[in-house]
Amino acid sequence: LFAPSASAGRDAGLAALQVALQSRGLYAGSIDG
């Protein structure tokens, strides 16, 4: 129920994690999931 769908093989939950890591200065790549 709560798993976000994958779009073109990309995971929305992982994208959300990338946003959190980026905000902490730990990730500089694209938010691509």
PDB file of all heavy atoms in Angstrom:
ATOM      1  N   LEU A   1       0.816  -1.212   0.000  1.00  0.00           N
ATOM      2  CA  LEU A   1       0.000   0.000   0.000  1.00  0.00           C
ATOM      3  C   LEU A   1       0.847   1.259   0.000  1.00  0.00           C
ATOM      4  O   LEU A   1       0.585   2.208  -0.713  1.00  0.00           O
ATOM      5  CB  LEU A   1      -0.924  -0.002   1.225  1.00  0.00           C
ATOM      6  CG  LEU A   1      -1.785   1.247   1.427  1.00  0.00           C
ATOM      7  CD1 LEU A   1      -2.742   1.433   0.261  1.00  0.00           C
ATOM      8  CD2 LEU A   1      -2.546   1.163   2.746  1.00  0.00           C
ATOM      9  N   PHE A   2       1.909   1.264   0.829  1.00  0.00           N
ATOM     10  CA  PHE A   2       2.656   2.494   1.035  1.00  0.00           C
ATOM     11  C   PHE A   2       3.904   2.597   0.173  1.00  0.00           C
ATOM     12  O   PHE A   2       4.583   3.607   0.197  1.00  0.00           O
ATOM     13  CB  PHE A   2       3.032   2.643   2.517  1.00  0.00           C
ATOM     14  CG  PHE A   2       1.823   2.720   3.419  1.00  0.00           C
ATOM     15  CD1 PHE A   2       1.691   1.902   4.523  1.00  0.00           C
ATOM     16  CD2 PHE A   2       0.806   3.618   3.144  1.00  0.00           C
ATOM     17  CE1 PHE A   2       0.579   1.980   5.337  1.00  0.00           C
ATOM     18  CE2 PHE A   2      -0.315   3.701   3.955  1.00  0.00           C
ATOM     19  CZ  PHE A   2      -0.430   2.871   5.059  1.00  0.00           C
ATOM     20  N   ALA A   3       4.214   1.555  -0.582  1.00  0.00           N
ATOM     21  CA  ALA A   3       5.387   1.629  -1.446  1.00  0.00           C
ATOM     22  C   ALA A   3       5.097   2.544  -2.625  1.00  0.00           C
ATOM     23  O   ALA A   3       4.110   2.360  -3.316  1.00  0.00           O
ATOM     24  CB  ALA A   3       5.762   0.242  -1.955  1.00  0.00           C
ATOM     25  N   PRO A   4       5.948   3.553  -2.860  1.00  0.00           N
ATOM     26  CA  PRO A   4       5.743   4.396  -4.035  1.00  0.00           C
ATOM     27  C   PRO A   4       6.075   3.627  -5.283  1.00  0.00           C
ATOM     28  O   PRO A   4       6.922   2.755  -5.288  1.00  0.00           O
ATOM     29  CB  PRO A   4       6.748   5.549  -3.810  1.00  0.00           C
ATOM     30  CG  PRO A   4       7.802   4.978  -2.943  1.00  0.00           C
ATOM     31  CD  PRO A   4       7.124   3.955  -2.069  1.00  0.00           C
ATOM     32  N   SER A   5       5.378   3.954  -6.372  1.00  0.00           N
ATOM     33  CA  SER A   5       5.619   3.251  -7.618  1.00  0.00           C
ATOM     34  C   SER A   5       6.962   3.639  -8.197  1.00  0.00           C
ATOM     35  O   SER A   5       7.510   4.688  -7.900  1.00  0.00           O
ATOM     36  CB  SER A   5       4.521   3.592  -8.628  1.00  0.00           C
ATOM     37  OG  SER A   5       4.618   4.936  -9.024  1.00  0.00           O
ATOM     38  N   ALA A   6       7.496   2.750  -9.025  1.00  0.00           N
ATOM     39  CA  ALA A   6       8.722   3.062  -9.756  1.00  0.00           C
ATOM     40  C   ALA A   6       8.333   3.692 -11.082  1.00  0.00           C
ATOM     41  O   ALA A   6       7.386   3.274 -11.721  1.00  0.00           O
ATOM     42  CB  ALA A   6       9.535   1.800  -9.983  1.00  0.00           C
ATOM     43  N   SER A   7       9.034   4.737 -11.479  1.00  0.00           N
ATOM     44  CA  SER A   7       8.802   5.387 -12.755  1.00  0.00           C
ATOM     45  C   SER A   7      10.038   5.198 -13.604  1.00  0.00           C
ATOM     46  O   SER A   7      11.113   5.662 -13.237  1.00  0.00           O
ATOM     47  CB  SER A   7       8.525   6.875 -12.554  1.00  0.00           C
ATOM     48  OG  SER A   7       7.339   7.064 -11.817  1.00  0.00           O
ATOM     49  N   ALA A   8       9.855   4.482 -14.729  1.00  0.00           N
ATOM     50  CA  ALA A   8      10.973   4.192 -15.624  1.00  0.00           C
ATOM     51  C   ALA A   8      12.109   3.520 -14.870  1.00  0.00           C
ATOM     52  O   ALA A   8      13.281   3.792 -15.087  1.00  0.00           O
ATOM     53  CB  ALA A   8      11.455   5.479 -16.297  1.00  0.00           C
ATOM     54  N   GLY A   9      11.770   2.611 -13.945  1.00  0.00           N
ATOM     55  CA  GLY A   9      12.774   1.878 -13.208  1.00  0.00           C
ATOM     56  C   GLY A   9      13.403   2.668 -12.080  1.00  0.00           C
ATOM     57  O   GLY A   9      14.419   2.250 -11.531  1.00  0.00           O
ATOM     58  N   ARG A  10      12.811   3.780 -11.694  1.00  0.00           N
ATOM     59  CA  ARG A  10      13.376   4.633 -10.657  1.00  0.00           C
ATOM     60  C   ARG A  10      12.445   4.646  -9.451  1.00  0.00           C
ATOM     61  O   ARG A  10      11.232   4.656  -9.604  1.00  0.00           O
ATOM     62  CB  ARG A  10      13.595   6.048 -11.199  1.00  0.00           C
ATOM     63  CG  ARG A  10      14.527   6.055 -12.412  1.00  0.00           C
ATOM     64  CD  ARG A  10      14.429   7.365 -13.178  1.00  0.00           C
ATOM     65  NE  ARG A  10      15.142   7.275 -14.448  1.00  0.00           N
ATOM     66  CZ  ARG A  10      16.419   7.611 -14.611  1.00  0.00           C
ATOM     67  NH1 ARG A  10      17.105   8.059 -13.579  1.00  0.00           N
ATOM     68  NH2 ARG A  10      17.000   7.510 -15.778  1.00  0.00           N
ATOM     69  N   ASP A  11      13.018   4.680  -8.257  1.00  0.00           N
ATOM     70  CA  ASP A  11      12.243   4.529  -7.037  1.00  0.00           C
ATOM     71  C   ASP A  11      12.034   5.873  -6.355  1.00  0.00           C
ATOM     72  O   ASP A  11      12.993   6.591  -6.054  1.00  0.00           O
ATOM     73  CB  ASP A  11      12.962   3.563  -6.099  1.00  0.00           C
ATOM     74  CG  ASP A  11      12.164   3.304  -4.845  1.00  0.00           C
ATOM     75  OD1 ASP A  11      11.198   2.517  -4.912  1.00  0.00           O
ATOM     76  OD2 ASP A  11      12.464   3.915  -3.815  1.00  0.00           O
ATOM     77  N   ALA A  12      10.774   6.226  -6.105  1.00  0.00           N
ATOM     78  CA  ALA A  12      10.454   7.514  -5.498  1.00  0.00           C
ATOM     79  C   ALA A  12      10.940   7.594  -4.056  1.00  0.00           C
ATOM     80  O   ALA A  12      11.320   8.668  -3.584  1.00  0.00           O
ATOM     81  CB  ALA A  12       8.949   7.769  -5.559  1.00  0.00           C
ATOM     82  N   GLY A  13      10.921   6.466  -3.343  1.00  0.00           N
ATOM     83  CA  GLY A  13      11.430   6.467  -1.977  1.00  0.00           C
ATOM     84  C   GLY A  13      12.924   6.753  -1.936  1.00  0.00           C
ATOM     85  O   GLY A  13      13.411   7.494  -1.078  1.00  0.00           O
ATOM     86  N   LEU A  14      13.648   6.178  -2.869  1.00  0.00           N
ATOM     87  CA  LEU A  14      15.082   6.436  -2.942  1.00  0.00           C
ATOM     88  C   LEU A  14      15.350   7.890  -3.345  1.00  0.00           C
ATOM     89  O   LEU A  14      16.281   8.517  -2.850  1.00  0.00           O
ATOM     90  CB  LEU A  14      15.732   5.485  -3.941  1.00  0.00           C
ATOM     91  CG  LEU A  14      17.259   5.543  -4.037  1.00  0.00           C
ATOM     92  CD1 LEU A  14      17.907   5.320  -2.676  1.00  0.00           C
ATOM     93  CD2 LEU A  14      17.767   4.506  -5.036  1.00  0.00           C
ATOM     94  N   ALA A  15      14.519   8.432  -4.232  1.00  0.00           N
ATOM     95  CA  ALA A  15      14.648   9.848  -4.585  1.00  0.00           C
ATOM     96  C   ALA A  15      14.458  10.726  -3.355  1.00  0.00           C
ATOM     97  O   ALA A  15      15.175  11.716  -3.161  1.00  0.00           O
ATOM     98  CB  ALA A  15      13.641  10.216  -5.666  1.00  0.00           C
ATOM     99  N   ALA A  16      13.480  10.368  -2.506  1.00  0.00           N
ATOM    100  CA  ALA A  16      13.245  11.129  -1.280  1.00  0.00           C
ATOM    101  C   ALA A  16      14.464  11.065  -0.361  1.00  0.00           C
ATOM    102  O   ALA A  16      14.837  12.060   0.270  1.00  0.00           O
ATOM    103  CB  ALA A  16      12.010  10.593  -0.561  1.00  0.00           C
ATOM    104  N   LEU A  17      15.089   9.897  -0.295  1.00  0.00           N
ATOM    105  CA  LEU A  17      16.307   9.759   0.505  1.00  0.00           C
ATOM    106  C   LEU A  17      17.423  10.628  -0.064  1.00  0.00           C
ATOM    107  O   LEU A  17      18.165  11.276   0.683  1.00  0.00           O
ATOM    108  CB  LEU A  17      16.733   8.292   0.542  1.00  0.00           C
ATOM    109  CG  LEU A  17      18.052   7.993   1.271  1.00  0.00           C
ATOM    110  CD1 LEU A  17      17.947   8.352   2.743  1.00  0.00           C
ATOM    111  CD2 LEU A  17      18.421   6.523   1.103  1.00  0.00           C
ATOM    112  N   GLN A  18      17.551  10.670  -1.388  1.00  0.00           N
ATOM    113  CA  GLN A  18      18.569  11.514  -2.007  1.00  0.00           C
ATOM    114  C   GLN A  18      18.362  12.980  -1.660  1.00  0.00           C
ATOM    115  O   GLN A  18      19.331  13.713  -1.436  1.00  0.00           O
ATOM    116  CB  GLN A  18      18.552  11.312  -3.527  1.00  0.00           C
ATOM    117  CG  GLN A  18      19.061   9.951  -3.981  1.00  0.00           C
ATOM    118  CD  GLN A  18      18.820   9.696  -5.463  1.00  0.00           C
ATOM    119  OE1 GLN A  18      17.872  10.237  -6.041  1.00  0.00           O
ATOM    120  NE2 GLN A  18      19.657   8.877  -6.078  1.00  0.00           N
ATOM    121  N   VAL A  19      17.092  13.408  -1.604  1.00  0.00           N
ATOM    122  CA  VAL A  19      16.799  14.789  -1.212  1.00  0.00           C
ATOM    123  C   VAL A  19      17.294  15.048   0.209  1.00  0.00           C
ATOM    124  O   VAL A  19      17.919  16.082   0.492  1.00  0.00           O
ATOM    125  CB  VAL A  19      15.286  15.069  -1.308  1.00  0.00           C
ATOM    126  CG1 VAL A  19      14.939  16.426  -0.684  1.00  0.00           C
ATOM    127  CG2 VAL A  19      14.828  15.049  -2.763  1.00  0.00           C
ATOM    128  N   ALA A  20      17.027  14.111   1.117  1.00  0.00           N
ATOM    129  CA  ALA A  20      17.462  14.275   2.508  1.00  0.00           C
ATOM    130  C   ALA A  20      18.983  14.318   2.609  1.00  0.00           C
ATOM    131  O   ALA A  20      19.550  15.146   3.341  1.00  0.00           O
ATOM    132  CB  ALA A  20      16.915  13.125   3.355  1.00  0.00           C
ATOM    133  N   LEU A  21      19.652  13.456   1.878  1.00  0.00           N
ATOM    134  CA  LEU A  21      21.118  13.426   1.911  1.00  0.00           C
ATOM    135  C   LEU A  21      21.704  14.679   1.285  1.00  0.00           C
ATOM    136  O   LEU A  21      22.714  15.213   1.755  1.00  0.00           O
ATOM    137  CB  LEU A  21      21.616  12.180   1.173  1.00  0.00           C
ATOM    138  CG  LEU A  21      21.245  10.835   1.817  1.00  0.00           C
ATOM    139  CD1 LEU A  21      21.583   9.682   0.875  1.00  0.00           C
ATOM    140  CD2 LEU A  21      21.953  10.652   3.151  1.00  0.00           C
ATOM    141  N   GLN A  22      21.057  15.181   0.228  1.00  0.00           N
ATOM    142  CA  GLN A  22      21.512  16.405  -0.421  1.00  0.00           C
ATOM    143  C   GLN A  22      21.404  17.589   0.531  1.00  0.00           C
ATOM    144  O   GLN A  22      22.290  18.448   0.581  1.00  0.00           O
ATOM    145  CB  GLN A  22      20.703  16.659  -1.686  1.00  0.00           C
ATOM    146  CG  GLN A  22      21.203  17.802  -2.548  1.00  0.00           C
ATOM    147  CD  GLN A  22      20.365  17.967  -3.811  1.00  0.00           C
ATOM    148  OE1 GLN A  22      19.264  18.513  -3.759  1.00  0.00           O
ATOM    149  NE2 GLN A  22      20.858  17.485  -4.930  1.00  0.00           N
ATOM    150  N   SER A  23      20.296  17.634   1.299  1.00  0.00           N
ATOM    151  CA  SER A  23      20.095  18.751   2.220  1.00  0.00           C
ATOM    152  C   SER A  23      21.133  18.766   3.342  1.00  0.00           C
ATOM    153  O   SER A  23      21.362  19.804   3.964  1.00  0.00           O
ATOM    154  CB  SER A  23      18.685  18.687   2.827  1.00  0.00           C
ATOM    155  OG  SER A  23      18.568  17.587   3.717  1.00  0.00           O
ATOM    156  N   ARG A  24      21.766  17.620   3.571  1.00  0.00           N
ATOM    157  CA  ARG A  24      22.801  17.513   4.602  1.00  0.00           C
ATOM    158  C   ARG A  24      24.210  17.601   4.017  1.00  0.00           C
ATOM    159  O   ARG A  24      25.191  17.349   4.698  1.00  0.00           O
ATOM    160  CB  ARG A  24      22.624  16.203   5.364  1.00  0.00           C
ATOM    161  CG  ARG A  24      21.415  16.238   6.299  1.00  0.00           C
ATOM    162  CD  ARG A  24      20.967  14.844   6.709  1.00  0.00           C
ATOM    163  NE  ARG A  24      19.920  14.896   7.728  1.00  0.00           N
ATOM    164  CZ  ARG A  24      18.647  15.171   7.482  1.00  0.00           C
ATOM    165  NH1 ARG A  24      18.260  15.438   6.232  1.00  0.00           N
ATOM    166  NH2 ARG A  24      17.759  15.193   8.453  1.00  0.00           N
ATOM    167  N   GLY A  25      24.294  17.956   2.736  1.00  0.00           N
ATOM    168  CA  GLY A  25      25.586  18.132   2.095  1.00  0.00           C
ATOM    169  C   GLY A  25      26.329  16.848   1.804  1.00  0.00           C
ATOM    170  O   GLY A  25      27.538  16.859   1.586  1.00  0.00           O
ATOM    171  N   LEU A  26      25.608  15.722   1.753  1.00  0.00           N
ATOM    172  CA  LEU A  26      26.246  14.427   1.567  1.00  0.00           C
ATOM    173  C   LEU A  26      26.069  13.852   0.166  1.00  0.00           C
ATOM    174  O   LEU A  26      26.740  12.884  -0.193  1.00  0.00           O
ATOM    175  CB  LEU A  26      25.682  13.422   2.589  1.00  0.00           C
ATOM    176  CG  LEU A  26      25.914  13.777   4.057  1.00  0.00           C
ATOM    177  CD1 LEU A  26      25.139  12.818   4.957  1.00  0.00           C
ATOM    178  CD2 LEU A  26      27.402  13.737   4.386  1.00  0.00           C
ATOM    179  N   TYR A  27      25.172  14.437  -0.616  1.00  0.00           N
ATOM    180  CA  TYR A  27      24.890  13.917  -1.956  1.00  0.00           C
ATOM    181  C   TYR A  27      24.794  15.082  -2.927  1.00  0.00           C
ATOM    182  O   TYR A  27      24.081  16.057  -2.671  1.00  0.00           O
ATOM    183  CB  TYR A  27      23.579  13.121  -1.942  1.00  0.00           C
ATOM    184  CG  TYR A  27      23.169  12.575  -3.295  1.00  0.00           C
ATOM    185  CD1 TYR A  27      23.852  11.519  -3.876  1.00  0.00           C
ATOM    186  CD2 TYR A  27      22.091  13.128  -3.995  1.00  0.00           C
ATOM    187  CE1 TYR A  27      23.474  11.021  -5.124  1.00  0.00           C
ATOM    188  CE2 TYR A  27      21.706  12.630  -5.230  1.00  0.00           C
ATOM    189  CZ  TYR A  27      22.405  11.582  -5.792  1.00  0.00           C
ATOM    190  OH  TYR A  27      22.032  11.090  -7.018  1.00  0.00           O
ATOM    191  N   ALA A  28      25.526  14.975  -4.039  1.00  0.00           N
ATOM    192  CA  ALA A  28      25.559  16.076  -4.999  1.00  0.00           C
ATOM    193  C   ALA A  28      25.048  15.672  -6.369  1.00  0.00           C
ATOM    194  O   ALA A  28      25.101  16.472  -7.304  1.00  0.00           O
ATOM    195  CB  ALA A  28      26.991  16.609  -5.120  1.00  0.00           C
ATOM    196  N   GLY A  29      24.534  14.463  -6.500  1.00  0.00           N
ATOM    197  CA  GLY A  29      24.048  14.002  -7.791  1.00  0.00           C
ATOM    198  C   GLY A  29      22.618  14.431  -8.064  1.00  0.00           C
ATOM    199  O   GLY A  29      22.006  15.180  -7.297  1.00  0.00           O
ATOM    200  N   SER A  30      22.072  13.918  -9.172  1.00  0.00           N
ATOM    201  CA  SER A  30      20.677  14.212  -9.522  1.00  0.00           C
ATOM    202  C   SER A  30      19.723  13.435  -8.632  1.00  0.00           C
ATOM    203  O   SER A  30      20.047  12.331  -8.163  1.00  0.00           O
ATOM    204  CB  SER A  30      20.418  13.851 -10.985  1.00  0.00           C
ATOM    205  OG  SER A  30      21.019  14.779 -11.848  1.00  0.00           O
ATOM    206  N   ILE A  31      18.542  14.002  -8.417  1.00  0.00           N
ATOM    207  CA  ILE A  31      17.489  13.301  -7.683  1.00  0.00           C
ATOM    208  C   ILE A  31      16.811  12.389  -8.703  1.00  0.00           C
ATOM    209  O   ILE A  31      15.802  12.750  -9.319  1.00  0.00           O
ATOM    210  CB  ILE A  31      16.485  14.301  -7.063  1.00  0.00           C
ATOM    211  CG1 ILE A  31      17.229  15.351  -6.233  1.00  0.00           C
ATOM    212  CG2 ILE A  31      15.466  13.554  -6.208  1.00  0.00           C
ATOM    213  CD1 ILE A  31      18.085  14.788  -5.108  1.00  0.00           C
ATOM    214  N   ASP A  32      17.383  11.203  -8.893  1.00  0.00           N
ATOM    215  CA  ASP A  32      16.943  10.315  -9.972  1.00  0.00           C
ATOM    216  C   ASP A  32      16.333   9.002  -9.495  1.00  0.00           C
ATOM    217  O   ASP A  32      15.861   8.207 -10.306  1.00  0.00           O
ATOM    218  CB  ASP A  32      18.102  10.021 -10.925  1.00  0.00           C
ATOM    219  CG  ASP A  32      19.295   9.367 -10.234  1.00  0.00           C
ATOM    220  OD1 ASP A  32      19.178   8.991  -9.046  1.00  0.00           O
ATOM    221  OD2 ASP A  32      20.349   9.228 -10.894  1.00  0.00           O
ATOM    222  N   GLY A  33      16.322   8.739  -8.178  1.00  0.00           N
ATOM    223  CA  GLY A  33      15.720   7.504  -7.680  1.00  0.00           C
ATOM    224  C   GLY A  33      16.485   6.255  -8.049  1.00  0.00           C
ATOM    225  O   GLY A  33      15.934   5.148  -7.990  1.00  0.00           O
TER     226      GLY A  33
END
